[in-house]
Amino acid sequence: MSMKKAILGSLLILLFIGITSLAPSGSHLALLEDRIQMRNGMPQTYGSQITSDENGKQIVYQIKDPQYVNQRRREVGLGPIEDYLKRWGIDWTIEQKSN
Protein backbone atom coordinates (compact mmCIF):
# COMPACT_ATOMS: atom_id res chain seq x y z
CA MET A 1 0.00 0.00 0.00
CA SER A 2 1.41 3.38 -0.92
CA MET A 3 2.02 5.95 1.79
CA LYS A 4 -0.58 8.27 0.24
CA LYS A 5 -3.29 5.59 0.40
CA ALA A 6 -2.30 4.70 3.96
CA ILE A 7 -2.55 8.34 5.02
CA LEU A 8 -5.95 8.79 3.34
CA GLY A 9 -7.18 5.58 4.98
CA SER A 10 -6.03 6.84 8.37
CA LEU A 11 -7.77 10.17 7.81
CA LEU A 12 -10.99 8.37 6.95
CA ILE A 13 -10.80 6.40 10.22
CA LEU A 14 -10.13 9.58 12.21
CA LEU A 15 -13.04 11.39 10.56
CA PHE A 16 -15.33 8.43 11.20
CA ILE A 17 -14.40 8.47 14.90
CA GLY A 18 -14.90 12.23 14.94
CA ILE A 19 -18.40 11.90 13.50
CA THR A 20 -19.57 10.36 16.74
CA SER A 21 -17.61 12.56 19.14
CA LEU A 22 -16.96 15.96 17.59
CA ALA A 23 -19.70 15.84 14.96
CA PRO A 24 -17.84 17.10 11.88
CA SER A 25 -19.88 17.31 8.71
CA GLY A 26 -21.02 13.93 7.47
CA SER A 27 -20.80 15.27 3.95
CA HIS A 28 -17.05 15.83 4.34
CA LEU A 29 -16.61 12.23 5.41
CA ALA A 30 -18.68 11.07 2.44
CA LEU A 31 -16.53 13.01 -0.04
CA LEU A 32 -13.34 11.63 1.46
CA GLU A 33 -14.73 8.09 1.44
CA ASP A 34 -15.66 8.38 -2.25
CA ARG A 35 -12.23 9.75 -3.15
CA ILE A 36 -10.44 6.92 -1.33
CA GLN A 37 -12.69 4.32 -2.95
CA MET A 38 -12.05 5.77 -6.40
CA ARG A 39 -8.28 5.87 -5.90
CA ASN A 40 -8.39 2.24 -4.81
CA GLY A 41 -10.37 1.23 -7.92
CA MET A 42 -13.55 0.54 -5.96
CA PRO A 43 -17.07 1.85 -6.67
CA GLN A 44 -17.90 4.99 -4.73
CA THR A 45 -20.77 5.26 -2.24
CA TYR A 46 -22.13 8.80 -2.55
CA GLY A 47 -21.50 9.77 -6.18
CA SER A 48 -19.25 12.75 -5.50
CA GLN A 49 -16.39 11.79 -7.82
CA ILE A 50 -16.44 12.73 -11.49
CA THR A 51 -14.11 11.35 -14.16
CA SER A 52 -13.87 11.51 -17.95
CA ASP A 53 -14.70 8.86 -20.52
CA GLU A 54 -12.44 7.97 -23.48
CA ASN A 55 -13.82 10.96 -25.41
CA GLY A 56 -13.14 13.45 -22.62
CA LYS A 57 -16.81 13.73 -21.60
CA GLN A 58 -17.34 14.12 -17.86
CA ILE A 59 -19.12 11.17 -16.26
CA VAL A 60 -19.87 9.94 -12.76
CA TYR A 61 -17.28 7.48 -11.48
CA GLN A 62 -18.81 4.04 -10.82
CA ILE A 63 -21.27 4.00 -7.88
CA LYS A 64 -22.10 1.03 -5.67
CA ASP A 65 -25.86 0.27 -5.91
CA PRO A 66 -26.62 3.52 -7.77
CA GLN A 67 -30.38 3.09 -7.37
CA TYR A 68 -29.93 3.89 -3.63
CA VAL A 69 -27.42 6.75 -3.92
CA ASN A 70 -29.88 9.50 -2.95
CA GLN A 71 -30.89 7.61 0.17
CA ARG A 72 -27.22 7.37 1.22
CA ARG A 73 -26.57 11.01 0.31
CA ARG A 74 -29.55 12.14 2.40
CA GLU A 75 -28.24 10.20 5.42
CA VAL A 76 -25.01 12.24 5.45
CA GLY A 77 -26.53 15.61 4.63
CA LEU A 78 -25.88 15.74 0.87
CA GLY A 79 -28.52 16.87 -1.61
CA PRO A 80 -29.88 14.74 -4.45
CA ILE A 81 -27.34 13.49 -6.96
CA GLU A 82 -29.42 14.97 -9.80
CA ASP A 83 -28.82 18.49 -8.45
CA TYR A 84 -25.10 17.86 -7.84
CA LEU A 85 -24.53 16.50 -11.35
CA LYS A 86 -26.32 19.40 -13.04
CA ARG A 87 -23.33 21.54 -12.00
CA TRP A 88 -21.15 19.26 -14.12
CA GLY A 89 -23.56 19.13 -17.05
CA ILE A 90 -24.31 15.45 -16.37
CA ASP A 91 -27.83 14.00 -16.54
CA TRP A 92 -28.73 11.33 -13.97
CA THR A 93 -31.18 8.77 -15.37
CA ILE A 94 -31.10 5.96 -12.81
CA GLU A 95 -34.41 5.66 -10.97
CA GLN A 96 -34.00 5.96 -7.23
CA LYS A 97 -35.32 3.46 -4.69
CA SER A 98 -35.53 3.45 -0.92
CA ASN A 99 -35.47 0.57 1.54
PDB file of N, CA and C in Angstrom:
ATOM      1  N   MET A   1       0.853  -1.179   0.000  1.00  0.00           N
ATOM      2  CA  MET A   1       0.000   0.000   0.000  1.00  0.00           C
ATOM      3  C   MET A   1       0.892   1.233   0.000  1.00  0.00           C
ATOM      4  N   SER A   2       0.590   2.179  -0.859  1.00  0.00           N
ATOM      5  CA  SER A   2       1.405   3.384  -0.915  1.00  0.00           C
ATOM      6  C   SER A   2       1.159   4.227   0.328  1.00  0.00           C
ATOM      7  N   MET A   3       2.136   5.083   0.623  1.00  0.00           N
ATOM      8  CA  MET A   3       2.017   5.946   1.794  1.00  0.00           C
ATOM      9  C   MET A   3       0.800   6.865   1.670  1.00  0.00           C
ATOM     10  N   LYS A   4       0.554   7.365   0.462  1.00  0.00           N
ATOM     11  CA  LYS A   4      -0.582   8.267   0.237  1.00  0.00           C
ATOM     12  C   LYS A   4      -1.901   7.571   0.576  1.00  0.00           C
ATOM     13  N   LYS A   5      -2.063   6.330   0.110  1.00  0.00           N
ATOM     14  CA  LYS A   5      -3.290   5.588   0.395  1.00  0.00           C
ATOM     15  C   LYS A   5      -3.411   5.291   1.884  1.00  0.00           C
ATOM     16  N   ALA A   6      -2.287   4.982   2.526  1.00  0.00           N
ATOM     17  CA  ALA A   6      -2.299   4.698   3.960  1.00  0.00           C
ATOM     18  C   ALA A   6      -2.721   5.938   4.746  1.00  0.00           C
ATOM     19  N   ILE A   7      -2.202   7.090   4.339  1.00  0.00           N
ATOM     20  CA  ILE A   7      -2.554   8.335   5.025  1.00  0.00           C
ATOM     21  C   ILE A   7      -4.028   8.649   4.828  1.00  0.00           C
ATOM     22  N   LEU A   8      -4.530   8.529   3.589  1.00  0.00           N
ATOM     23  CA  LEU A   8      -5.949   8.787   3.341  1.00  0.00           C
ATOM     24  C   LEU A   8      -6.837   7.825   4.122  1.00  0.00           C
ATOM     25  N   GLY A   9      -6.419   6.563   4.202  1.00  0.00           N
ATOM     26  CA  GLY A   9      -7.178   5.584   4.977  1.00  0.00           C
ATOM     27  C   GLY A   9      -7.217   5.950   6.446  1.00  0.00           C
ATOM     28  N   SER A  10      -6.090   6.421   6.971  1.00  0.00           N
ATOM     29  CA  SER A  10      -6.026   6.843   8.366  1.00  0.00           C
ATOM     30  C   SER A  10      -6.912   8.056   8.610  1.00  0.00           C
ATOM     31  N   LEU A  11      -6.909   8.986   7.675  1.00  0.00           N
ATOM     32  CA  LEU A  11      -7.767  10.168   7.810  1.00  0.00           C
ATOM     33  C   LEU A  11      -9.234   9.777   7.826  1.00  0.00           C
ATOM     34  N   LEU A  12      -9.596   8.827   6.990  1.00  0.00           N
ATOM     35  CA  LEU A  12     -10.986   8.369   6.954  1.00  0.00           C
ATOM     36  C   LEU A  12     -11.383   7.788   8.310  1.00  0.00           C
ATOM     37  N   ILE A  13     -10.519   6.993   8.900  1.00  0.00           N
ATOM     38  CA  ILE A  13     -10.800   6.405  10.216  1.00  0.00           C
ATOM     39  C   ILE A  13     -10.962   7.498  11.266  1.00  0.00           C
ATOM     40  N   LEU A  14     -10.050   8.491  11.244  1.00  0.00           N
ATOM     41  CA  LEU A  14     -10.135   9.585  12.211  1.00  0.00           C
ATOM     42  C   LEU A  14     -11.419  10.390  12.032  1.00  0.00           C
ATOM     43  N   LEU A  15     -11.802  10.654  10.799  1.00  0.00           N
ATOM     44  CA  LEU A  15     -13.043  11.386  10.563  1.00  0.00           C
ATOM     45  C   LEU A  15     -14.256  10.578  11.014  1.00  0.00           C
ATOM     46  N   PHE A  16     -14.220   9.282  10.777  1.00  0.00           N
ATOM     47  CA  PHE A  16     -15.331   8.428  11.200  1.00  0.00           C
ATOM     48  C   PHE A  16     -15.481   8.469  12.715  1.00  0.00           C
ATOM     49  N   ILE A  17     -14.368   8.386  13.435  1.00  0.00           N
ATOM     50  CA  ILE A  17     -14.398   8.474  14.899  1.00  0.00           C
ATOM     51  C   ILE A  17     -14.924   9.840  15.320  1.00  0.00           C
ATOM     52  N   GLY A  18     -14.474  10.874  14.634  1.00  0.00           N
ATOM     53  CA  GLY A  18     -14.901  12.231  14.944  1.00  0.00           C
ATOM     54  C   GLY A  18     -16.378  12.468  14.721  1.00  0.00           C
ATOM     55  N   ILE A  19     -16.967  11.765  13.783  1.00  0.00           N
ATOM     56  CA  ILE A  19     -18.399  11.903  13.503  1.00  0.00           C
ATOM     57  C   ILE A  19     -19.202  11.663  14.771  1.00  0.00           C
ATOM     58  N   THR A  20     -18.799  10.690  15.556  1.00  0.00           N
ATOM     59  CA  THR A  20     -19.569  10.359  16.743  1.00  0.00           C
ATOM     60  C   THR A  20     -19.201  11.214  17.949  1.00  0.00           C
ATOM     61  N   SER A  21     -17.996  11.787  17.972  1.00  0.00           N
ATOM     62  CA  SER A  21     -17.608  12.558  19.144  1.00  0.00           C
ATOM     63  C   SER A  21     -17.612  14.066  18.919  1.00  0.00           C
ATOM     64  N   LEU A  22     -17.059  14.529  17.837  1.00  0.00           N
ATOM     65  CA  LEU A  22     -16.960  15.965  17.594  1.00  0.00           C
ATOM     66  C   LEU A  22     -17.979  16.453  16.577  1.00  0.00           C
ATOM     67  N   ALA A  23     -18.665  15.550  15.938  1.00  0.00           N
ATOM     68  CA  ALA A  23     -19.703  15.839  14.963  1.00  0.00           C
ATOM     69  C   ALA A  23     -19.254  16.718  13.796  1.00  0.00           C
ATOM     70  N   PRO A  24     -18.150  16.369  13.101  1.00  0.00           N
ATOM     71  CA  PRO A  24     -17.836  17.103  11.881  1.00  0.00           C
ATOM     72  C   PRO A  24     -18.893  16.773  10.821  1.00  0.00           C
ATOM     73  N   SER A  25     -18.884  17.494   9.761  1.00  0.00           N
ATOM     74  CA  SER A  25     -19.879  17.314   8.712  1.00  0.00           C
ATOM     75  C   SER A  25     -19.813  15.910   8.110  1.00  0.00           C
ATOM     76  N   GLY A  26     -20.949  15.240   8.091  1.00  0.00           N
ATOM     77  CA  GLY A  26     -21.018  13.927   7.472  1.00  0.00           C
ATOM     78  C   GLY A  26     -20.741  13.993   5.987  1.00  0.00           C
ATOM     79  N   SER A  27     -21.045  15.130   5.382  1.00  0.00           N
ATOM     80  CA  SER A  27     -20.799  15.269   3.950  1.00  0.00           C
ATOM     81  C   SER A  27     -19.304  15.282   3.650  1.00  0.00           C
ATOM     82  N   HIS A  28     -18.494  15.850   4.537  1.00  0.00           N
ATOM     83  CA  HIS A  28     -17.047  15.830   4.337  1.00  0.00           C
ATOM     84  C   HIS A  28     -16.502  14.406   4.388  1.00  0.00           C
ATOM     85  N   LEU A  29     -17.013  13.632   5.310  1.00  0.00           N
ATOM     86  CA  LEU A  29     -16.614  12.230   5.411  1.00  0.00           C
ATOM     87  C   LEU A  29     -17.018  11.476   4.152  1.00  0.00           C
ATOM     88  N   ALA A  30     -18.197  11.744   3.642  1.00  0.00           N
ATOM     89  CA  ALA A  30     -18.684  11.070   2.437  1.00  0.00           C
ATOM     90  C   ALA A  30     -17.782  11.371   1.241  1.00  0.00           C
ATOM     91  N   LEU A  31     -17.398  12.636   1.079  1.00  0.00           N
ATOM     92  CA  LEU A  31     -16.534  13.010  -0.040  1.00  0.00           C
ATOM     93  C   LEU A  31     -15.176  12.341   0.066  1.00  0.00           C
ATOM     94  N   LEU A  32     -14.629  12.287   1.265  1.00  0.00           N
ATOM     95  CA  LEU A  32     -13.342  11.630   1.461  1.00  0.00           C
ATOM     96  C   LEU A  32     -13.461  10.136   1.193  1.00  0.00           C
ATOM     97  N   GLU A  33     -14.526   9.526   1.667  1.00  0.00           N
ATOM     98  CA  GLU A  33     -14.728   8.093   1.443  1.00  0.00           C
ATOM     99  C   GLU A  33     -14.792   7.783  -0.050  1.00  0.00           C
ATOM    100  N   ASP A  34     -15.567   8.592  -0.805  1.00  0.00           N
ATOM    101  CA  ASP A  34     -15.661   8.379  -2.251  1.00  0.00           C
ATOM    102  C   ASP A  34     -14.300   8.518  -2.924  1.00  0.00           C
ATOM    103  N   ARG A  35     -13.537   9.525  -2.530  1.00  0.00           N
ATOM    104  CA  ARG A  35     -12.230   9.754  -3.146  1.00  0.00           C
ATOM    105  C   ARG A  35     -11.290   8.572  -2.881  1.00  0.00           C
ATOM    106  N   ILE A  36     -11.294   8.067  -1.669  1.00  0.00           N
ATOM    107  CA  ILE A  36     -10.442   6.918  -1.331  1.00  0.00           C
ATOM    108  C   ILE A  36     -10.886   5.692  -2.118  1.00  0.00           C
ATOM    109  N   GLN A  37     -12.190   5.464  -2.201  1.00  0.00           N
ATOM    110  CA  GLN A  37     -12.691   4.315  -2.950  1.00  0.00           C
ATOM    111  C   GLN A  37     -12.284   4.408  -4.416  1.00  0.00           C
ATOM    112  N   MET A  38     -12.408   5.595  -5.000  1.00  0.00           N
ATOM    113  CA  MET A  38     -12.049   5.771  -6.403  1.00  0.00           C
ATOM    114  C   MET A  38     -10.557   5.507  -6.610  1.00  0.00           C
ATOM    115  N   ARG A  39      -9.728   6.055  -5.750  1.00  0.00           N
ATOM    116  CA  ARG A  39      -8.277   5.870  -5.897  1.00  0.00           C
ATOM    117  C   ARG A  39      -7.853   4.422  -5.698  1.00  0.00           C
ATOM    118  N   ASN A  40      -8.681   3.653  -5.003  1.00  0.00           N
ATOM    119  CA  ASN A  40      -8.389   2.237  -4.806  1.00  0.00           C
ATOM    120  C   ASN A  40      -9.094   1.359  -5.842  1.00  0.00           C
ATOM    121  N   GLY A  41      -9.718   1.989  -6.853  1.00  0.00           N
ATOM    122  CA  GLY A  41     -10.368   1.230  -7.921  1.00  0.00           C
ATOM    123  C   GLY A  41     -11.673   0.579  -7.520  1.00  0.00           C
ATOM    124  N   MET A  42     -12.286   1.090  -6.454  1.00  0.00           N
ATOM    125  CA  MET A  42     -13.551   0.538  -5.963  1.00  0.00           C
ATOM    126  C   MET A  42     -14.697   1.479  -6.307  1.00  0.00           C
ATOM    127  N   PRO A  43     -15.925   0.966  -6.436  1.00  0.00           N
ATOM    128  CA  PRO A  43     -17.073   1.846  -6.674  1.00  0.00           C
ATOM    129  C   PRO A  43     -17.267   2.792  -5.491  1.00  0.00           C
ATOM    130  N   GLN A  44     -17.661   4.018  -5.787  1.00  0.00           N
ATOM    131  CA  GLN A  44     -17.904   4.986  -4.728  1.00  0.00           C
ATOM    132  C   GLN A  44     -19.289   4.788  -4.122  1.00  0.00           C
ATOM    133  N   THR A  45     -19.521   5.417  -2.982  1.00  0.00           N
ATOM    134  CA  THR A  45     -20.766   5.255  -2.239  1.00  0.00           C
ATOM    135  C   THR A  45     -21.752   6.392  -2.475  1.00  0.00           C
ATOM    136  N   TYR A  46     -21.259   7.635  -2.548  1.00  0.00           N
ATOM    137  CA  TYR A  46     -22.132   8.805  -2.549  1.00  0.00           C
ATOM    138  C   TYR A  46     -22.198   9.557  -3.879  1.00  0.00           C
ATOM    139  N   GLY A  47     -21.427   9.157  -4.866  1.00  0.00           N
ATOM    140  CA  GLY A  47     -21.499   9.770  -6.183  1.00  0.00           C
ATOM    141  C   GLY A  47     -20.864  11.135  -6.305  1.00  0.00           C
ATOM    142  N   SER A  48     -19.871  11.418  -5.485  1.00  0.00           N
ATOM    143  CA  SER A  48     -19.251  12.746  -5.504  1.00  0.00           C
ATOM    144  C   SER A  48     -18.084  12.866  -6.478  1.00  0.00           C
ATOM    145  N   GLN A  49     -17.588  11.758  -6.982  1.00  0.00           N
ATOM    146  CA  GLN A  49     -16.394  11.787  -7.816  1.00  0.00           C
ATOM    147  C   GLN A  49     -16.754  11.690  -9.300  1.00  0.00           C
ATOM    148  N   ILE A  50     -16.200  12.615 -10.059  1.00  0.00           N
ATOM    149  CA  ILE A  50     -16.437  12.730 -11.487  1.00  0.00           C
ATOM    150  C   ILE A  50     -15.142  12.377 -12.212  1.00  0.00           C
ATOM    151  N   THR A  51     -15.270  11.709 -13.339  1.00  0.00           N
ATOM    152  CA  THR A  51     -14.114  11.353 -14.156  1.00  0.00           C
ATOM    153  C   THR A  51     -14.470  11.649 -15.618  1.00  0.00           C
ATOM    154  N   SER A  52     -13.605  11.297 -16.523  1.00  0.00           N
ATOM    155  CA  SER A  52     -13.866  11.506 -17.951  1.00  0.00           C
ATOM    156  C   SER A  52     -13.866  10.170 -18.673  1.00  0.00           C
ATOM    157  N   ASP A  53     -14.716  10.063 -19.695  1.00  0.00           N
ATOM    158  CA  ASP A  53     -14.696   8.857 -20.517  1.00  0.00           C
ATOM    159  C   ASP A  53     -13.594   8.975 -21.570  1.00  0.00           C
ATOM    160  N   GLU A  54     -13.512   8.004 -22.471  1.00  0.00           N
ATOM    161  CA  GLU A  54     -12.445   7.968 -23.480  1.00  0.00           C
ATOM    162  C   GLU A  54     -12.504   9.137 -24.455  1.00  0.00           C
ATOM    163  N   ASN A  55     -13.665   9.812 -24.524  1.00  0.00           N
ATOM    164  CA  ASN A  55     -13.824  10.965 -25.412  1.00  0.00           C
ATOM    165  C   ASN A  55     -13.650  12.301 -24.685  1.00  0.00           C
ATOM    166  N   GLY A  56     -13.324  12.230 -23.397  1.00  0.00           N
ATOM    167  CA  GLY A  56     -13.136  13.450 -22.624  1.00  0.00           C
ATOM    168  C   GLY A  56     -14.412  14.001 -22.010  1.00  0.00           C
ATOM    169  N   LYS A  57     -15.529  13.298 -22.182  1.00  0.00           N
ATOM    170  CA  LYS A  57     -16.808  13.732 -21.602  1.00  0.00           C
ATOM    171  C   LYS A  57     -16.821  13.405 -20.109  1.00  0.00           C
ATOM    172  N   GLN A  58     -17.277  14.358 -19.296  1.00  0.00           N
ATOM    173  CA  GLN A  58     -17.337  14.115 -17.857  1.00  0.00           C
ATOM    174  C   GLN A  58     -18.470  13.155 -17.536  1.00  0.00           C
ATOM    175  N   ILE A  59     -18.155  12.181 -16.688  1.00  0.00           N
ATOM    176  CA  ILE A  59     -19.123  11.171 -16.260  1.00  0.00           C
ATOM    177  C   ILE A  59     -18.942  10.921 -14.763  1.00  0.00           C
ATOM    178  N   VAL A  60     -19.954  10.319 -14.167  1.00  0.00           N
ATOM    179  CA  VAL A  60     -19.869   9.936 -12.761  1.00  0.00           C
ATOM    180  C   VAL A  60     -19.014   8.684 -12.660  1.00  0.00           C
ATOM    181  N   TYR A  61     -18.049   8.690 -11.745  1.00  0.00           N
ATOM    182  CA  TYR A  61     -17.279   7.476 -11.485  1.00  0.00           C
ATOM    183  C   TYR A  61     -18.241   6.415 -10.947  1.00  0.00           C
ATOM    184  N   GLN A  62     -17.943   5.169 -11.195  1.00  0.00           N
ATOM    185  CA  GLN A  62     -18.807   4.038 -10.819  1.00  0.00           C
ATOM    186  C   GLN A  62     -19.321   4.163  -9.378  1.00  0.00           C
ATOM    187  N   ILE A  63     -20.625   3.923  -9.191  1.00  0.00           N
ATOM    188  CA  ILE A  63     -21.271   4.002  -7.881  1.00  0.00           C
ATOM    189  C   ILE A  63     -21.809   2.637  -7.482  1.00  0.00           C
ATOM    190  N   LYS A  64     -21.564   2.268  -6.237  1.00  0.00           N
ATOM    191  CA  LYS A  64     -22.103   1.027  -5.674  1.00  0.00           C
ATOM    192  C   LYS A  64     -23.613   1.188  -5.503  1.00  0.00           C
ATOM    193  N   ASP A  65     -24.397   0.246  -6.008  1.00  0.00           N
ATOM    194  CA  ASP A  65     -25.860   0.268  -5.909  1.00  0.00           C
ATOM    195  C   ASP A  65     -26.413   1.662  -6.203  1.00  0.00           C
ATOM    196  N   PRO A  66     -26.241   2.138  -7.441  1.00  0.00           N
ATOM    197  CA  PRO A  66     -26.620   3.521  -7.768  1.00  0.00           C
ATOM    198  C   PRO A  66     -28.102   3.844  -7.568  1.00  0.00           C
ATOM    199  N   GLN A  67     -28.951   2.841  -7.556  1.00  0.00           N
ATOM    200  CA  GLN A  67     -30.379   3.089  -7.366  1.00  0.00           C
ATOM    201  C   GLN A  67     -30.704   3.555  -5.942  1.00  0.00           C
ATOM    202  N   TYR A  68     -29.735   3.453  -5.018  1.00  0.00           N
ATOM    203  CA  TYR A  68     -29.929   3.891  -3.631  1.00  0.00           C
ATOM    204  C   TYR A  68     -29.043   5.070  -3.249  1.00  0.00           C
ATOM    205  N   VAL A  69     -28.398   5.701  -4.237  1.00  0.00           N
ATOM    206  CA  VAL A  69     -27.425   6.746  -3.918  1.00  0.00           C
ATOM    207  C   VAL A  69     -28.068   7.948  -3.223  1.00  0.00           C
ATOM    208  N   ASN A  70     -29.259   8.350  -3.610  1.00  0.00           N
ATOM    209  CA  ASN A  70     -29.880   9.502  -2.950  1.00  0.00           C
ATOM    210  C   ASN A  70     -30.230   9.214  -1.501  1.00  0.00           C
ATOM    211  N   GLN A  71     -30.610   7.996  -1.215  1.00  0.00           N
ATOM    212  CA  GLN A  71     -30.891   7.606   0.167  1.00  0.00           C
ATOM    213  C   GLN A  71     -29.614   7.747   1.006  1.00  0.00           C
ATOM    214  N   ARG A  72     -28.488   7.256   0.493  1.00  0.00           N
ATOM    215  CA  ARG A  72     -27.217   7.367   1.224  1.00  0.00           C
ATOM    216  C   ARG A  72     -26.785   8.823   1.348  1.00  0.00           C
ATOM    217  N   ARG A  73     -26.947   9.598   0.275  1.00  0.00           N
ATOM    218  CA  ARG A  73     -26.568  11.013   0.306  1.00  0.00           C
ATOM    219  C   ARG A  73     -27.386  11.767   1.361  1.00  0.00           C
ATOM    220  N   ARG A  74     -28.668  11.489   1.421  1.00  0.00           N
ATOM    221  CA  ARG A  74     -29.546  12.144   2.403  1.00  0.00           C
ATOM    222  C   ARG A  74     -29.093  11.840   3.833  1.00  0.00           C
ATOM    223  N   GLU A  75     -28.663  10.615   4.077  1.00  0.00           N
ATOM    224  CA  GLU A  75     -28.243  10.199   5.423  1.00  0.00           C
ATOM    225  C   GLU A  75     -27.026  10.969   5.939  1.00  0.00           C
ATOM    226  N   VAL A  76     -26.202  11.506   5.029  1.00  0.00           N
ATOM    227  CA  VAL A  76     -25.008  12.240   5.454  1.00  0.00           C
ATOM    228  C   VAL A  76     -25.128  13.742   5.205  1.00  0.00           C
ATOM    229  N   GLY A  77     -26.309  14.193   4.799  1.00  0.00           N
ATOM    230  CA  GLY A  77     -26.530  15.613   4.625  1.00  0.00           C
ATOM    231  C   GLY A  77     -26.223  16.165   3.246  1.00  0.00           C
ATOM    232  N   LEU A  78     -26.096  15.297   2.253  1.00  0.00           N
ATOM    233  CA  LEU A  78     -25.879  15.741   0.869  1.00  0.00           C
ATOM    234  C   LEU A  78     -27.217  15.827   0.150  1.00  0.00           C
ATOM    235  N   GLY A  79     -27.317  16.743  -0.804  1.00  0.00           N
ATOM    236  CA  GLY A  79     -28.522  16.875  -1.613  1.00  0.00           C
ATOM    237  C   GLY A  79     -28.604  15.774  -2.660  1.00  0.00           C
ATOM    238  N   PRO A  80     -29.676  15.761  -3.415  1.00  0.00           N
ATOM    239  CA  PRO A  80     -29.875  14.740  -4.452  1.00  0.00           C
ATOM    240  C   PRO A  80     -28.760  14.766  -5.497  1.00  0.00           C
ATOM    241  N   ILE A  81     -28.411  13.591  -5.970  1.00  0.00           N
ATOM    242  CA  ILE A  81     -27.336  13.490  -6.964  1.00  0.00           C
ATOM    243  C   ILE A  81     -27.708  14.236  -8.255  1.00  0.00           C
ATOM    244  N   GLU A  82     -28.994  14.273  -8.591  1.00  0.00           N
ATOM    245  CA  GLU A  82     -29.416  14.975  -9.800  1.00  0.00           C
ATOM    246  C   GLU A  82     -28.994  16.444  -9.761  1.00  0.00           C
ATOM    247  N   ASP A  83     -29.182  17.085  -8.604  1.00  0.00           N
ATOM    248  CA  ASP A  83     -28.815  18.494  -8.451  1.00  0.00           C
ATOM    249  C   ASP A  83     -27.297  18.676  -8.513  1.00  0.00           C
ATOM    250  N   TYR A  84     -26.569  17.789  -7.850  1.00  0.00           N
ATOM    251  CA  TYR A  84     -25.104  17.863  -7.843  1.00  0.00           C
ATOM    252  C   TYR A  84     -24.547  17.722  -9.263  1.00  0.00           C
ATOM    253  N   LEU A  85     -25.066  16.769 -10.012  1.00  0.00           N
ATOM    254  CA  LEU A  85     -24.526  16.498 -11.345  1.00  0.00           C
ATOM    255  C   LEU A  85     -24.892  17.567 -12.369  1.00  0.00           C
ATOM    256  N   LYS A  86     -25.961  18.310 -12.126  1.00  0.00           N
ATOM    257  CA  LYS A  86     -26.319  19.403 -13.037  1.00  0.00           C
ATOM    258  C   LYS A  86     -25.176  20.413 -13.124  1.00  0.00           C
ATOM    259  N   ARG A  87     -24.467  20.604 -12.015  1.00  0.00           N
ATOM    260  CA  ARG A  87     -23.326  21.540 -12.001  1.00  0.00           C
ATOM    261  C   ARG A  87     -22.233  21.106 -12.958  1.00  0.00           C
ATOM    262  N   TRP A  88     -22.172  19.825 -13.233  1.00  0.00           N
ATOM    263  CA  TRP A  88     -21.153  19.258 -14.121  1.00  0.00           C
ATOM    264  C   TRP A  88     -21.691  19.043 -15.529  1.00  0.00           C
ATOM    265  N   GLY A  89     -22.960  19.355 -15.749  1.00  0.00           N
ATOM    266  CA  GLY A  89     -23.561  19.127 -17.055  1.00  0.00           C
ATOM    267  C   GLY A  89     -23.838  17.659 -17.331  1.00  0.00           C
ATOM    268  N   ILE A  90     -24.066  16.897 -16.261  1.00  0.00           N
ATOM    269  CA  ILE A  90     -24.307  15.453 -16.366  1.00  0.00           C
ATOM    270  C   ILE A  90     -25.760  15.173 -15.997  1.00  0.00           C
ATOM    271  N   ASP A  91     -26.461  14.420 -16.835  1.00  0.00           N
ATOM    272  CA  ASP A  91     -27.833  14.004 -16.535  1.00  0.00           C
ATOM    273  C   ASP A  91     -27.809  12.669 -15.803  1.00  0.00           C
ATOM    274  N   TRP A  92     -28.605  12.563 -14.750  1.00  0.00           N
ATOM    275  CA  TRP A  92     -28.728  11.330 -13.973  1.00  0.00           C
ATOM    276  C   TRP A  92     -30.034  10.666 -14.359  1.00  0.00           C
ATOM    277  N   THR A  93     -29.980   9.438 -14.867  1.00  0.00           N
ATOM    278  CA  THR A  93     -31.182   8.772 -15.372  1.00  0.00           C
ATOM    279  C   THR A  93     -31.539   7.497 -14.615  1.00  0.00           C
ATOM    280  N   ILE A  94     -30.815   7.194 -13.561  1.00  0.00           N
ATOM    281  CA  ILE A  94     -31.105   5.962 -12.809  1.00  0.00           C
ATOM    282  C   ILE A  94     -32.194   6.242 -11.785  1.00  0.00           C
ATOM    283  N   GLU A  95     -33.295   5.494 -11.900  1.00  0.00           N
ATOM    284  CA  GLU A  95     -34.413   5.665 -10.973  1.00  0.00           C
ATOM    285  C   GLU A  95     -33.972   5.318  -9.555  1.00  0.00           C
ATOM    286  N   GLN A  96     -34.392   6.154  -8.609  1.00  0.00           N
ATOM    287  CA  GLN A  96     -33.996   5.962  -7.227  1.00  0.00           C
ATOM    288  C   GLN A  96     -35.007   5.136  -6.456  1.00  0.00           C
ATOM    289  N   LYS A  97     -34.491   4.307  -5.545  1.00  0.00           N
ATOM    290  CA  LYS A  97     -35.324   3.462  -4.685  1.00  0.00           C
ATOM    291  C   LYS A  97     -35.004   3.798  -3.249  1.00  0.00           C
ATOM    292  N   SER A  98     -35.825   3.339  -2.343  1.00  0.00           N
ATOM    293  CA  SER A  98     -35.531   3.447  -0.916  1.00  0.00           C
ATOM    294  C   SER A  98     -35.865   2.109  -0.271  1.00  0.00           C
ATOM    295  N   ASN A  99     -35.241   1.871   0.852  1.00  0.00           N
ATOM    296  CA  ASN A  99     -35.468   0.572   1.539  1.00  0.00           C
ATOM    297  C   ASN A  99     -36.858   0.482   2.079  1.00  0.00           C
TER     298      ASN A  99
END
